[in-house]
Amino acid sequence: MNTRFSLFVWGALLVMTSFDAAMAAPDTMKGLPPTISPGSQVEKLATLPVEAYTVSGQPFTEGTTCAPNGDIYFVEQNSSKIMKWSVADRVLSVFMHPAGYSNGMSFDSAGNLIACADERNELWSISLTETETIPYPQPLNPAVGDKPTAGMITLPKRTVLMDGRYNGNLLGGPNDLWIRPDGGLYFTDPFYPRPWWAPGRGQEQQLKTVYFLSPDRKTLTRVLPDFLSTKGIPGTPNGIIGTPDGKTLYVADISGSETWKFDVGNDGSLTNKTWVCPFGSDGMTLDEQGNLYLSAGAQPSGVTVVSTKSGQQIGFIPVPQQPSNMCFGGKDHKTLYITARTGFYSIPTNVKGANLVK
């Protein structure tokens, strides 16, 4: 690792740390939420290995999402892998590598895995059943991660849904996404400099905001002209989730330590911005009772649970490492799966997730 790259990675880590510190502190003594049986504890399912090509020297788990059969997919972003947790076998395996340094993911109604492919700012639709043999994907920055490799590789078949640009300029980097019932897709677009990007790349979009990709995948629209905190300061949209009826969207401002909700229009527009709670979040999910599960809570680390009806924190789930994302899954869709730094965890609940792929 050369000095220039070391400084780059250190700077990126400082940015992540500043976001963690900026988030409002939840009540970590609140106890488990009523959606989890008293005495339940988080179980560690796996620790991701350090690979020779891992850009930061440590794994970073993210992007949890549930497949139609209850299996869980998530990313180990620093080594450009998508992982699969088989619920029936309790086995973790690599589903796709390289995987475009994917970040947030979700399944569409057809059972395709939709991923924010961070390396080239794209959105991918990835098949669970079909493969393709293609030239080995060449890295944008050969100084990090996977090295330039000759020959062919067989990977899950993927379709690029979006080319990573808006009005001719590169997006900041699609981070997390939610797919509404008709297939329309919302994604957050902050700007976190990545070591796997092409050297010298800067911020080309002035706004860190939210975008909507139409159901036919032909039109990309910036749906928020700004994303301001209650103090009027430009925020950083990160976690995002919507209600099963497609009428309400929740967006977390991770730098402003707030979460907001919006009314969703048929054309993709977002209106009636309403403050929800004083917690930002990297990733988040929603249960069938309307409770939000957020990755707020660093000391000690854990998942903060907030009622969207009252805006009040109703519980805290301790996790040994700082969570990044979570989703409901399993055979009955009543297990909360959590990605947290180098680990992958779960805890049984008494509720189902609100967004289940049929």
Foldseek 3Di string as FASTA:
>chain_A
DDPVLVVLVVVLVVVVVLLQVLADADDAPLAAFPQADPPWAKDFLDFFDQDPQQFNRFWFKAAWEAFQQFWIWIDRLSQQFIWIQDQVVSDIDTQFPNHLSWHHWYAALVRWIWTQNFQQRWIKTFDPPAKDKDFDDDFLDCVGHDHDDGDIDIHTDMDTLDRQDDPRHGFLGFHYWEAANLGKIKTWTFHRDDSRYHPPDDHPDPAGAMWIQDNVSPDIGGQDPFCADPVRHGFHWAAKYAFRNRQKIKTFRSNQNWIWMFGADPVGHTDDIGTQERGGANYWFAFPQQKIWGLRHVVPGFIWIAHSVVSDTRHTHGDNARWRYWAFGDNVSQKIWTTGGRTIIIIGTNTHTRDHRD
